């Protein structure tokens, strides 16, 4: 799925990485626990979270993710956005709740790691 499709599906606002919206992502995960992300996420992925702190950016970069979606209208600080931009990440924010956002992406074809369908 293209990141630009995620923007449309989630009615998201792009905070940085506008030049990367045509890139593909192949899996997604939703979590506020970065330890779970470190333990279970593989491949290029989108991270959906309501947790707003610099560890989210660092975790996504360490796991080779391309995009972070902050849910529930959460907005990272300017320092976090700058850090993400320096690391080449796309940062989005949406008013949708984590459960709803994950569900929309799932029914439109973006699966989690290990999904067969």
PDB file of N, CA and C in Angstrom:
ATOM      1  N   UNK A   1       0.846  -1.168   0.000  1.00  0.00           N
ATOM      2  CA  UNK A   1       0.000   0.000   0.000  1.00  0.00           C
ATOM      3  C   UNK A   1       0.898   1.238   0.000  1.00  0.00           C
ATOM      4  N   UNK A   2       0.541   2.208  -0.769  1.00  0.00           N
ATOM      5  CA  UNK A   2       1.266   3.477  -0.807  1.00  0.00           C
ATOM      6  C   UNK A   2       0.941   4.292   0.450  1.00  0.00           C
ATOM      7  N   UNK A   3       1.918   5.028   0.935  1.00  0.00           N
ATOM      8  CA  UNK A   3       1.694   5.873   2.115  1.00  0.00           C
ATOM      9  C   UNK A   3       0.622   6.913   1.826  1.00  0.00           C
ATOM     10  N   UNK A   4       0.557   7.405   0.596  1.00  0.00           N
ATOM     11  CA  UNK A   4      -0.467   8.389   0.248  1.00  0.00           C
ATOM     12  C   UNK A   4      -1.880   7.802   0.396  1.00  0.00           C
ATOM     13  N   UNK A   5      -2.023   6.495   0.199  1.00  0.00           N
ATOM     14  CA  UNK A   5      -3.309   5.829   0.402  1.00  0.00           C
ATOM     15  C   UNK A   5      -3.665   5.829   1.886  1.00  0.00           C
ATOM     16  N   UNK A   6      -2.676   5.622   2.727  1.00  0.00           N
ATOM     17  CA  UNK A   6      -2.902   5.668   4.179  1.00  0.00           C
ATOM     18  C   UNK A   6      -3.379   7.060   4.589  1.00  0.00           C
ATOM     19  N   UNK A   7      -2.763   8.081   4.034  1.00  0.00           N
ATOM     20  CA  UNK A   7      -3.169   9.465   4.331  1.00  0.00           C
ATOM     21  C   UNK A   7      -4.647   9.650   4.007  1.00  0.00           C
ATOM     22  N   UNK A   8      -5.067   9.166   2.851  1.00  0.00           N
ATOM     23  CA  UNK A   8      -6.466   9.319   2.428  1.00  0.00           C
ATOM     24  C   UNK A   8      -7.409   8.490   3.293  1.00  0.00           C
ATOM     25  N   UNK A   9      -7.054   7.228   3.537  1.00  0.00           N
ATOM     26  CA  UNK A   9      -7.930   6.347   4.309  1.00  0.00           C
ATOM     27  C   UNK A   9      -8.147   6.841   5.736  1.00  0.00           C
ATOM     28  N   UNK A  10      -7.112   7.424   6.316  1.00  0.00           N
ATOM     29  CA  UNK A  10      -7.193   7.869   7.711  1.00  0.00           C
ATOM     30  C   UNK A  10      -7.476   9.361   7.843  1.00  0.00           C
ATOM     31  N   UNK A  11      -7.681  10.031   6.709  1.00  0.00           N
ATOM     32  CA  UNK A  11      -7.880  11.483   6.715  1.00  0.00           C
ATOM     33  C   UNK A  11      -6.805  12.130   7.584  1.00  0.00           C
ATOM     34  N   UNK A  12      -5.566  11.749   7.290  1.00  0.00           N
ATOM     35  CA  UNK A  12      -4.428  12.160   8.106  1.00  0.00           C
ATOM     36  C   UNK A  12      -3.772  13.430   7.583  1.00  0.00           C
ATOM     37  N   UNK A  13      -3.085  14.091   8.481  1.00  0.00           N
ATOM     38  CA  UNK A  13      -2.288  15.264   8.146  1.00  0.00           C
ATOM     39  C   UNK A  13      -0.827  14.830   8.110  1.00  0.00           C
ATOM     40  N   UNK A  14      -0.099  15.255   7.094  1.00  0.00           N
ATOM     41  CA  UNK A  14       1.318  14.931   6.943  1.00  0.00           C
ATOM     42  C   UNK A  14       2.142  15.998   7.669  1.00  0.00           C
ATOM     43  N   UNK A  15       2.950  15.564   8.633  1.00  0.00           N
ATOM     44  CA  UNK A  15       3.791  16.493   9.388  1.00  0.00           C
ATOM     45  C   UNK A  15       5.206  16.567   8.838  1.00  0.00           C
ATOM     46  N   UNK A  16       5.687  15.485   8.245  1.00  0.00           N
ATOM     47  CA  UNK A  16       6.970  15.499   7.537  1.00  0.00           C
ATOM     48  C   UNK A  16       7.030  14.282   6.623  1.00  0.00           C
ATOM     49  N   UNK A  17       7.913  14.361   5.626  1.00  0.00           N
ATOM     50  CA  UNK A  17       8.081  13.265   4.684  1.00  0.00           C
ATOM     51  C   UNK A  17       7.156  13.331   3.490  1.00  0.00           C
ATOM     52  N   UNK A  18       6.686  14.513   3.154  1.00  0.00           N
ATOM     53  CA  UNK A  18       5.762  14.666   2.022  1.00  0.00           C
ATOM     54  C   UNK A  18       6.328  14.089   0.732  1.00  0.00           C
ATOM     55  N   UNK A  19       7.647  14.099   0.602  1.00  0.00           N
ATOM     56  CA  UNK A  19       8.292  13.600  -0.610  1.00  0.00           C
ATOM     57  C   UNK A  19       8.343  12.078  -0.678  1.00  0.00           C
ATOM     58  N   UNK A  20       7.875  11.401   0.377  1.00  0.00           N
ATOM     59  CA  UNK A  20       7.934   9.934   0.423  1.00  0.00           C
ATOM     60  C   UNK A  20       6.547   9.277   0.370  1.00  0.00           C
ATOM     61  N   UNK A  21       5.521  10.042   0.064  1.00  0.00           N
ATOM     62  CA  UNK A  21       4.160   9.512   0.090  1.00  0.00           C
ATOM     63  C   UNK A  21       3.895   8.465  -0.982  1.00  0.00           C
ATOM     64  N   UNK A  22       4.728   8.402  -2.004  1.00  0.00           N
ATOM     65  CA  UNK A  22       4.520   7.402  -3.060  1.00  0.00           C
ATOM     66  C   UNK A  22       5.241   6.085  -2.761  1.00  0.00           C
ATOM     67  N   UNK A  23       5.863   5.965  -1.585  1.00  0.00           N
ATOM     68  CA  UNK A  23       6.557   4.735  -1.207  1.00  0.00           C
ATOM     69  C   UNK A  23       5.561   3.682  -0.731  1.00  0.00           C
ATOM     70  N   UNK A  24       5.940   2.418  -0.939  1.00  0.00           N
ATOM     71  CA  UNK A  24       5.109   1.287  -0.518  1.00  0.00           C
ATOM     72  C   UNK A  24       5.464   0.847   0.893  1.00  0.00           C
ATOM     73  N   UNK A  25       4.441   0.406   1.618  1.00  0.00           N
ATOM     74  CA  UNK A  25       4.623  -0.263   2.906  1.00  0.00           C
ATOM     75  C   UNK A  25       3.866  -1.582   2.818  1.00  0.00           C
ATOM     76  N   UNK A  26       4.346  -2.588   3.559  1.00  0.00           N
ATOM     77  CA  UNK A  26       3.815  -3.925   3.388  1.00  0.00           C
ATOM     78  C   UNK A  26       3.158  -4.511   4.629  1.00  0.00           C
ATOM     79  N   UNK A  27       3.349  -3.851   5.759  1.00  0.00           N
ATOM     80  CA  UNK A  27       2.716  -4.337   6.985  1.00  0.00           C
ATOM     81  C   UNK A  27       2.566  -3.180   7.952  1.00  0.00           C
ATOM     82  N   UNK A  28       1.741  -3.384   8.966  1.00  0.00           N
ATOM     83  CA  UNK A  28       1.513  -2.333   9.957  1.00  0.00           C
ATOM     84  C   UNK A  28       1.327  -2.957  11.323  1.00  0.00           C
ATOM     85  N   UNK A  29       1.566  -2.151  12.332  1.00  0.00           N
ATOM     86  CA  UNK A  29       1.271  -2.583  13.696  1.00  0.00           C
ATOM     87  C   UNK A  29       0.760  -1.387  14.473  1.00  0.00           C
ATOM     88  N   UNK A  30      -0.055  -1.671  15.459  1.00  0.00           N
ATOM     89  CA  UNK A  30      -0.583  -0.639  16.325  1.00  0.00           C
ATOM     90  C   UNK A  30      -0.212  -0.961  17.760  1.00  0.00           C
ATOM     91  N   UNK A  31       0.518  -0.064  18.408  1.00  0.00           N
ATOM     92  CA  UNK A  31       0.930  -0.319  19.779  1.00  0.00           C
ATOM     93  C   UNK A  31       1.403   0.968  20.443  1.00  0.00           C
ATOM     94  N   UNK A  32       1.152   1.042  21.741  1.00  0.00           N
ATOM     95  CA  UNK A  32       1.712   2.111  22.549  1.00  0.00           C
ATOM     96  C   UNK A  32       2.899   1.598  23.358  1.00  0.00           C
ATOM     97  N   UNK A  33       3.210   0.330  23.198  1.00  0.00           N
ATOM     98  CA  UNK A  33       4.329  -0.271  23.920  1.00  0.00           C
ATOM     99  C   UNK A  33       5.469  -0.536  22.943  1.00  0.00           C
ATOM    100  N   UNK A  34       6.510   0.265  23.040  1.00  0.00           N
ATOM    101  CA  UNK A  34       7.622   0.130  22.104  1.00  0.00           C
ATOM    102  C   UNK A  34       8.357  -1.195  22.290  1.00  0.00           C
ATOM    103  N   UNK A  35       8.274  -1.796  23.462  1.00  0.00           N
ATOM    104  CA  UNK A  35       8.887  -3.115  23.653  1.00  0.00           C
ATOM    105  C   UNK A  35       8.202  -4.166  22.775  1.00  0.00           C
ATOM    106  N   UNK A  36       6.882  -4.064  22.598  1.00  0.00           N
ATOM    107  CA  UNK A  36       6.178  -4.977  21.697  1.00  0.00           C
ATOM    108  C   UNK A  36       6.597  -4.744  20.244  1.00  0.00           C
ATOM    109  N   UNK A  37       6.761  -3.498  19.879  1.00  0.00           N
ATOM    110  CA  UNK A  37       7.195  -3.185  18.518  1.00  0.00           C
ATOM    111  C   UNK A  37       8.564  -3.798  18.260  1.00  0.00           C
ATOM    112  N   UNK A  38       9.469  -3.647  19.205  1.00  0.00           N
ATOM    113  CA  UNK A  38      10.811  -4.209  19.050  1.00  0.00           C
ATOM    114  C   UNK A  38      10.779  -5.731  18.957  1.00  0.00           C
ATOM    115  N   UNK A  39       9.868  -6.356  19.678  1.00  0.00           N
ATOM    116  CA  UNK A  39       9.807  -7.818  19.730  1.00  0.00           C
ATOM    117  C   UNK A  39       9.108  -8.441  18.527  1.00  0.00           C
ATOM    118  N   UNK A  40       8.117  -7.773  17.954  1.00  0.00           N
ATOM    119  CA  UNK A  40       7.253  -8.442  16.977  1.00  0.00           C
ATOM    120  C   UNK A  40       7.260  -7.878  15.567  1.00  0.00           C
ATOM    121  N   UNK A  41       7.784  -6.705  15.345  1.00  0.00           N
ATOM    122  CA  UNK A  41       7.686  -6.084  14.027  1.00  0.00           C
ATOM    123  C   UNK A  41       8.868  -6.481  13.159  1.00  0.00           C
ATOM    124  N   UNK A  42       8.558  -6.855  11.908  1.00  0.00           N
ATOM    125  CA  UNK A  42       9.581  -7.164  10.916  1.00  0.00           C
ATOM    126  C   UNK A  42       9.195  -6.483   9.608  1.00  0.00           C
ATOM    127  N   UNK A  43      10.131  -6.402   8.711  1.00  0.00           N
ATOM    128  CA  UNK A  43       9.908  -5.818   7.388  1.00  0.00           C
ATOM    129  C   UNK A  43       9.628  -4.322   7.478  1.00  0.00           C
ATOM    130  N   UNK A  44       9.382  -3.734   6.337  1.00  0.00           N
ATOM    131  CA  UNK A  44       9.006  -2.321   6.290  1.00  0.00           C
ATOM    132  C   UNK A  44       7.588  -2.193   6.821  1.00  0.00           C
ATOM    133  N   UNK A  45       7.353  -1.278   7.729  1.00  0.00           N
ATOM    134  CA  UNK A  45       6.044  -1.225   8.368  1.00  0.00           C
ATOM    135  C   UNK A  45       5.634   0.196   8.692  1.00  0.00           C
ATOM    136  N   UNK A  46       4.380   0.302   9.000  1.00  0.00           N
ATOM    137  CA  UNK A  46       3.781   1.528   9.509  1.00  0.00           C
ATOM    138  C   UNK A  46       3.497   1.286  10.988  1.00  0.00           C
ATOM    139  N   UNK A  47       3.857   2.218  11.813  1.00  0.00           N
ATOM    140  CA  UNK A  47       3.561   2.140  13.241  1.00  0.00           C
ATOM    141  C   UNK A  47       2.437   3.105  13.560  1.00  0.00           C
ATOM    142  N   UNK A  48       1.352   2.580  14.119  1.00  0.00           N
ATOM    143  CA  UNK A  48       0.257   3.414  14.591  1.00  0.00           C
ATOM    144  C   UNK A  48       0.322   3.433  16.106  1.00  0.00           C
ATOM    145  N   UNK A  49       0.293   4.622  16.693  1.00  0.00           N
ATOM    146  CA  UNK A  49       0.445   4.740  18.137  1.00  0.00           C
ATOM    147  C   UNK A  49      -0.168   6.035  18.657  1.00  0.00           C
ATOM    148  N   UNK A  50      -0.505   6.008  19.935  1.00  0.00           N
ATOM    149  CA  UNK A  50      -0.951   7.207  20.624  1.00  0.00           C
ATOM    150  C   UNK A  50       0.116   7.725  21.563  1.00  0.00           C
ATOM    151  N   UNK A  51       1.239   7.039  21.595  1.00  0.00           N
ATOM    152  CA  UNK A  51       2.354   7.424  22.460  1.00  0.00           C
ATOM    153  C   UNK A  51       3.168   8.513  21.772  1.00  0.00           C
ATOM    154  N   UNK A  52       3.337   9.620  22.453  1.00  0.00           N
ATOM    155  CA  UNK A  52       4.069  10.736  21.861  1.00  0.00           C
ATOM    156  C   UNK A  52       5.313  11.016  22.702  1.00  0.00           C
ATOM    157  N   UNK A  53       6.415  10.389  22.313  1.00  0.00           N
ATOM    158  CA  UNK A  53       7.710  10.710  22.913  1.00  0.00           C
ATOM    159  C   UNK A  53       8.811  10.319  21.928  1.00  0.00           C
ATOM    160  N   UNK A  54      10.013  10.825  22.127  1.00  0.00           N
ATOM    161  CA  UNK A  54      11.091  10.580  21.159  1.00  0.00           C
ATOM    162  C   UNK A  54      11.427   9.100  20.961  1.00  0.00           C
ATOM    163  N   UNK A  55      11.131   8.242  21.943  1.00  0.00           N
ATOM    164  CA  UNK A  55      11.414   6.815  21.791  1.00  0.00           C
ATOM    165  C   UNK A  55      10.638   6.196  20.638  1.00  0.00           C
ATOM    166  N   UNK A  56       9.476   6.743  20.329  1.00  0.00           N
ATOM    167  CA  UNK A  56       8.691   6.244  19.197  1.00  0.00           C
ATOM    168  C   UNK A  56       9.470   6.450  17.901  1.00  0.00           C
ATOM    169  N   UNK A  57      10.040   7.627  17.743  1.00  0.00           N
ATOM    170  CA  UNK A  57      10.813   7.936  16.537  1.00  0.00           C
ATOM    171  C   UNK A  57      12.042   7.028  16.466  1.00  0.00           C
ATOM    172  N   UNK A  58      12.730   6.897  17.571  1.00  0.00           N
ATOM    173  CA  UNK A  58      13.954   6.081  17.599  1.00  0.00           C
ATOM    174  C   UNK A  58      13.642   4.596  17.348  1.00  0.00           C
ATOM    175  N   UNK A  59      12.536   4.125  17.915  1.00  0.00           N
ATOM    176  CA  UNK A  59      12.140   2.726  17.696  1.00  0.00           C
ATOM    177  C   UNK A  59      11.813   2.484  16.228  1.00  0.00           C
ATOM    178  N   UNK A  60      11.049   3.380  15.636  1.00  0.00           N
ATOM    179  CA  UNK A  60      10.679   3.236  14.226  1.00  0.00           C
ATOM    180  C   UNK A  60      11.917   3.229  13.332  1.00  0.00           C
ATOM    181  N   UNK A  61      12.859   4.091  13.622  1.00  0.00           N
ATOM    182  CA  UNK A  61      14.082   4.155  12.821  1.00  0.00           C
ATOM    183  C   UNK A  61      14.894   2.868  12.986  1.00  0.00           C
ATOM    184  N   UNK A  62      14.990   2.393  14.209  1.00  0.00           N
ATOM    185  CA  UNK A  62      15.755   1.188  14.489  1.00  0.00           C
ATOM    186  C   UNK A  62      15.138  -0.039  13.806  1.00  0.00           C
ATOM    187  N   UNK A  63      13.811  -0.058  13.658  1.00  0.00           N
ATOM    188  CA  UNK A  63      13.109  -1.185  13.053  1.00  0.00           C
ATOM    189  C   UNK A  63      12.923  -1.019  11.542  1.00  0.00           C
ATOM    190  N   UNK A  64      13.556  -0.024  10.961  1.00  0.00           N
ATOM    191  CA  UNK A  64      13.483   0.217   9.513  1.00  0.00           C
ATOM    192  C   UNK A  64      12.073   0.535   9.031  1.00  0.00           C
ATOM    193  N   UNK A  65      11.288   1.168   9.848  1.00  0.00           N
ATOM    194  CA  UNK A  65       9.940   1.561   9.438  1.00  0.00           C
ATOM    195  C   UNK A  65      10.014   2.789   8.546  1.00  0.00           C
ATOM    196  N   UNK A  66       8.957   3.002   7.813  1.00  0.00           N
ATOM    197  CA  UNK A  66       8.907   4.154   6.912  1.00  0.00           C
ATOM    198  C   UNK A  66       7.963   5.239   7.404  1.00  0.00           C
ATOM    199  N   UNK A  67       6.995   4.880   8.231  1.00  0.00           N
ATOM    200  CA  UNK A  67       5.917   5.811   8.547  1.00  0.00           C
ATOM    201  C   UNK A  67       5.395   5.589   9.962  1.00  0.00           C
ATOM    202  N   UNK A  68       5.128   6.685  10.659  1.00  0.00           N
ATOM    203  CA  UNK A  68       4.477   6.634  11.965  1.00  0.00           C
ATOM    204  C   UNK A  68       3.179   7.423  11.862  1.00  0.00           C
ATOM    205  N   UNK A  69       2.093   6.829  12.349  1.00  0.00           N
ATOM    206  CA  UNK A  69       0.802   7.502  12.403  1.00  0.00           C
ATOM    207  C   UNK A  69       0.449   7.708  13.873  1.00  0.00           C
ATOM    208  N   UNK A  70       0.352   8.960  14.284  1.00  0.00           N
ATOM    209  CA  UNK A  70      -0.095   9.275  15.632  1.00  0.00           C
ATOM    210  C   UNK A  70      -1.614   9.395  15.609  1.00  0.00           C
ATOM    211  N   UNK A  71      -2.271   8.595  16.432  1.00  0.00           N
ATOM    212  CA  UNK A  71      -3.736   8.536  16.459  1.00  0.00           C
ATOM    213  C   UNK A  71      -4.288   9.458  17.545  1.00  0.00           C
ATOM    214  N   UNK A  72      -5.623   9.555  17.602  1.00  0.00           N
ATOM    215  CA  UNK A  72      -6.337  10.362  18.598  1.00  0.00           C
ATOM    216  C   UNK A  72      -5.893  11.829  18.597  1.00  0.00           C
ATOM    217  N   UNK A  73      -5.579  12.331  17.412  1.00  0.00           N
ATOM    218  CA  UNK A  73      -5.161  13.727  17.229  1.00  0.00           C
ATOM    219  C   UNK A  73      -3.896  14.093  18.001  1.00  0.00           C
ATOM    220  N   UNK A  74      -3.104  13.086  18.340  1.00  0.00           N
ATOM    221  CA  UNK A  74      -1.833  13.357  19.019  1.00  0.00           C
ATOM    222  C   UNK A  74      -0.874  14.000  18.025  1.00  0.00           C
ATOM    223  N   UNK A  75      -0.133  14.987  18.510  1.00  0.00           N
ATOM    224  CA  UNK A  75       0.823  15.697  17.663  1.00  0.00           C
ATOM    225  C   UNK A  75       2.179  15.701  18.356  1.00  0.00           C
ATOM    226  N   UNK A  76       3.194  15.164  17.686  1.00  0.00           N
ATOM    227  CA  UNK A  76       4.529  15.167  18.279  1.00  0.00           C
ATOM    228  C   UNK A  76       5.100  16.581  18.335  1.00  0.00           C
ATOM    229  N   UNK A  77       6.072  16.761  19.201  1.00  0.00           N
ATOM    230  CA  UNK A  77       6.732  18.062  19.327  1.00  0.00           C
ATOM    231  C   UNK A  77       7.508  18.386  18.050  1.00  0.00           C
ATOM    232  N   UNK A  78       7.848  19.649  17.907  1.00  0.00           N
ATOM    233  CA  UNK A  78       8.647  20.063  16.749  1.00  0.00           C
ATOM    234  C   UNK A  78       9.988  19.327  16.723  1.00  0.00           C
ATOM    235  N   UNK A  79      10.586  19.105  17.894  1.00  0.00           N
ATOM    236  CA  UNK A  79      11.852  18.371  17.968  1.00  0.00           C
ATOM    237  C   UNK A  79      11.693  16.944  17.462  1.00  0.00           C
ATOM    238  N   UNK A  80      10.569  16.308  17.805  1.00  0.00           N
ATOM    239  CA  UNK A  80      10.314  14.943  17.333  1.00  0.00           C
ATOM    240  C   UNK A  80      10.130  14.908  15.821  1.00  0.00           C
ATOM    241  N   UNK A  81       9.407  15.875  15.294  1.00  0.00           N
ATOM    242  CA  UNK A  81       9.186  15.935  13.847  1.00  0.00           C
ATOM    243  C   UNK A  81      10.507  16.172  13.133  1.00  0.00           C
ATOM    244  N   UNK A  82      11.341  17.041  13.677  1.00  0.00           N
ATOM    245  CA  UNK A  82      12.650  17.306  13.076  1.00  0.00           C
ATOM    246  C   UNK A  82      13.526  16.051  13.102  1.00  0.00           C
ATOM    247  N   UNK A  83      13.524  15.333  14.225  1.00  0.00           N
ATOM    248  CA  UNK A  83      14.277  14.093  14.337  1.00  0.00           C
ATOM    249  C   UNK A  83      13.795  13.078  13.300  1.00  0.00           C
ATOM    250  N   UNK A  84      12.490  12.927  13.173  1.00  0.00           N
ATOM    251  CA  UNK A  84      11.917  11.992  12.207  1.00  0.00           C
ATOM    252  C   UNK A  84      12.286  12.389  10.777  1.00  0.00           C
ATOM    253  N   UNK A  85      12.222  13.661  10.493  1.00  0.00           N
ATOM    254  CA  UNK A  85      12.569  14.151   9.163  1.00  0.00           C
ATOM    255  C   UNK A  85      14.039  13.856   8.859  1.00  0.00           C
ATOM    256  N   UNK A  86      14.911  14.079   9.834  1.00  0.00           N
ATOM    257  CA  UNK A  86      16.337  13.777   9.668  1.00  0.00           C
ATOM    258  C   UNK A  86      16.563  12.285   9.401  1.00  0.00           C
ATOM    259  N   UNK A  87      15.715  11.438   9.968  1.00  0.00           N
ATOM    260  CA  UNK A  87      15.841   9.988   9.816  1.00  0.00           C
ATOM    261  C   UNK A  87      15.114   9.459   8.581  1.00  0.00           C
ATOM    262  N   UNK A  88      14.443  10.342   7.845  1.00  0.00           N
ATOM    263  CA  UNK A  88      13.761   9.939   6.622  1.00  0.00           C
ATOM    264  C   UNK A  88      12.411   9.284   6.834  1.00  0.00           C
ATOM    265  N   UNK A  89      11.787   9.546   7.984  1.00  0.00           N
ATOM    266  CA  UNK A  89      10.477   8.962   8.285  1.00  0.00           C
ATOM    267  C   UNK A  89       9.349   9.885   7.855  1.00  0.00           C
ATOM    268  N   UNK A  90       8.223   9.279   7.518  1.00  0.00           N
ATOM    269  CA  UNK A  90       6.996  10.029   7.273  1.00  0.00           C
ATOM    270  C   UNK A  90       6.227  10.055   8.591  1.00  0.00           C
ATOM    271  N   UNK A  91       5.764  11.233   8.995  1.00  0.00           N
ATOM    272  CA  UNK A  91       4.973  11.371  10.215  1.00  0.00           C
ATOM    273  C   UNK A  91       3.589  11.889   9.849  1.00  0.00           C
ATOM    274  N   UNK A  92       2.574  11.142  10.311  1.00  0.00           N
ATOM    275  CA  UNK A  92       1.182  11.504  10.075  1.00  0.00           C
ATOM    276  C   UNK A  92       0.462  11.627  11.410  1.00  0.00           C
ATOM    277  N   UNK A  93      -0.615  12.402  11.417  1.00  0.00           N
ATOM    278  CA  UNK A  93      -1.493  12.438  12.573  1.00  0.00           C
ATOM    279  C   UNK A  93      -2.937  12.345  12.092  1.00  0.00           C
ATOM    280  N   UNK A  94      -3.750  11.610  12.852  1.00  0.00           N
ATOM    281  CA  UNK A  94      -5.156  11.424  12.504  1.00  0.00           C
ATOM    282  C   UNK A  94      -6.011  11.529  13.759  1.00  0.00           C
ATOM    283  N   UNK A  95      -7.234  11.951  13.587  1.00  0.00           N
ATOM    284  CA  UNK A  95      -8.161  12.040  14.716  1.00  0.00           C
ATOM    285  C   UNK A  95      -8.714  10.674  15.106  1.00  0.00           C
ATOM    286  N   UNK A  96      -8.538   9.687  14.243  1.00  0.00           N
ATOM    287  CA  UNK A  96      -9.110   8.365  14.512  1.00  0.00           C
ATOM    288  C   UNK A  96      -8.418   7.683  15.685  1.00  0.00           C
ATOM    289  N   UNK A  97      -9.180   6.816  16.342  1.00  0.00           N
ATOM    290  CA  UNK A  97      -8.621   6.017  17.438  1.00  0.00           C
ATOM    291  C   UNK A  97      -7.792   4.887  16.858  1.00  0.00           C
ATOM    292  N   UNK A  98      -6.919   4.331  17.679  1.00  0.00           N
ATOM    293  CA  UNK A  98      -6.007   3.279  17.235  1.00  0.00           C
ATOM    294  C   UNK A  98      -6.757   2.100  16.616  1.00  0.00           C
ATOM    295  N   UNK A  99      -7.777   1.625  17.302  1.00  0.00           N
ATOM    296  CA  UNK A  99      -8.543   0.470  16.830  1.00  0.00           C
ATOM    297  C   UNK A  99      -9.166   0.748  15.466  1.00  0.00           C
ATOM    298  N   UNK A 100      -9.783   1.912  15.320  1.00  0.00           N
ATOM    299  CA  UNK A 100     -10.443   2.263  14.062  1.00  0.00           C
ATOM    300  C   UNK A 100      -9.434   2.421  12.926  1.00  0.00           C
ATOM    301  N   UNK A 101      -8.329   3.079  13.206  1.00  0.00           N
ATOM    302  CA  UNK A 101      -7.314   3.306  12.177  1.00  0.00           C
ATOM    303  C   UNK A 101      -6.718   1.977  11.701  1.00  0.00           C
ATOM    304  N   UNK A 102      -6.385   1.104  12.642  1.00  0.00           N
ATOM    305  CA  UNK A 102      -5.849  -0.216  12.266  1.00  0.00           C
ATOM    306  C   UNK A 102      -6.872  -0.995  11.441  1.00  0.00           C
ATOM    307  N   UNK A 103      -8.127  -0.940  11.850  1.00  0.00           N
ATOM    308  CA  UNK A 103      -9.185  -1.645  11.133  1.00  0.00           C
ATOM    309  C   UNK A 103      -9.341  -1.161   9.706  1.00  0.00           C
ATOM    310  N   UNK A 104      -9.312   0.148   9.490  1.00  0.00           N
ATOM    311  CA  UNK A 104      -9.439   0.697   8.136  1.00  0.00           C
ATOM    312  C   UNK A 104      -8.289   0.240   7.249  1.00  0.00           C
ATOM    313  N   UNK A 105      -7.086   0.262   7.789  1.00  0.00           N
ATOM    314  CA  UNK A 105      -5.943  -0.174   6.988  1.00  0.00           C
ATOM    315  C   UNK A 105      -6.027  -1.666   6.688  1.00  0.00           C
ATOM    316  N   UNK A 106      -6.460  -2.442   7.653  1.00  0.00           N
ATOM    317  CA  UNK A 106      -6.564  -3.900   7.481  1.00  0.00           C
ATOM    318  C   UNK A 106      -7.584  -4.267   6.401  1.00  0.00           C
ATOM    319  N   UNK A 107      -8.784  -3.701   6.475  1.00  0.00           N
ATOM    320  CA  UNK A 107      -9.813  -4.057   5.488  1.00  0.00           C
ATOM    321  C   UNK A 107      -9.473  -3.558   4.092  1.00  0.00           C
ATOM    322  N   UNK A 108      -8.545  -2.621   4.005  1.00  0.00           N
ATOM    323  CA  UNK A 108      -8.115  -2.129   2.701  1.00  0.00           C
ATOM    324  C   UNK A 108      -6.833  -2.794   2.216  1.00  0.00           C
ATOM    325  N   UNK A 109      -6.414  -3.866   2.897  1.00  0.00           N
ATOM    326  CA  UNK A 109      -5.340  -4.694   2.372  1.00  0.00           C
ATOM    327  C   UNK A 109      -3.994  -4.628   3.074  1.00  0.00           C
ATOM    328  N   UNK A 110      -3.811  -3.723   4.011  1.00  0.00           N
ATOM    329  CA  UNK A 110      -2.528  -3.651   4.721  1.00  0.00           C
ATOM    330  C   UNK A 110      -2.586  -4.583   5.919  1.00  0.00           C
ATOM    331  N   UNK A 111      -1.739  -5.589   5.930  1.00  0.00           N
ATOM    332  CA  UNK A 111      -1.774  -6.618   6.958  1.00  0.00           C
ATOM    333  C   UNK A 111      -0.665  -6.414   7.971  1.00  0.00           C
ATOM    334  N   UNK A 112      -0.767  -7.182   9.050  1.00  0.00           N
ATOM    335  CA  UNK A 112       0.281  -7.216  10.051  1.00  0.00           C
ATOM    336  C   UNK A 112       1.284  -8.295   9.679  1.00  0.00           C
ATOM    337  N   UNK A 113       2.396  -8.340  10.377  1.00  0.00           N
ATOM    338  CA  UNK A 113       3.390  -9.369  10.136  1.00  0.00           C
ATOM    339  C   UNK A 113       2.795 -10.736  10.376  1.00  0.00           C
ATOM    340  N   UNK A 114       3.057 -11.656   9.492  1.00  0.00           N
ATOM    341  CA  UNK A 114       2.609 -13.021   9.671  1.00  0.00           C
ATOM    342  C   UNK A 114       1.210 -13.292   9.157  1.00  0.00           C
ATOM    343  N   UNK A 115       0.475 -12.259   8.709  1.00  0.00           N
ATOM    344  CA  UNK A 115      -0.876 -12.482   8.187  1.00  0.00           C
ATOM    345  C   UNK A 115      -0.804 -13.192   6.851  1.00  0.00           C
ATOM    346  N   UNK A 116      -1.658 -14.153   6.694  1.00  0.00           N
ATOM    347  CA  UNK A 116      -1.671 -14.934   5.441  1.00  0.00           C
ATOM    348  C   UNK A 116      -2.671 -14.409   4.431  1.00  0.00           C
ATOM    349  N   UNK A 117      -3.667 -13.641   4.866  1.00  0.00           N
ATOM    350  CA  UNK A 117      -4.718 -13.180   3.963  1.00  0.00           C
ATOM    351  C   UNK A 117      -4.454 -11.805   3.406  1.00  0.00           C
TER     352      UNK A 117
END
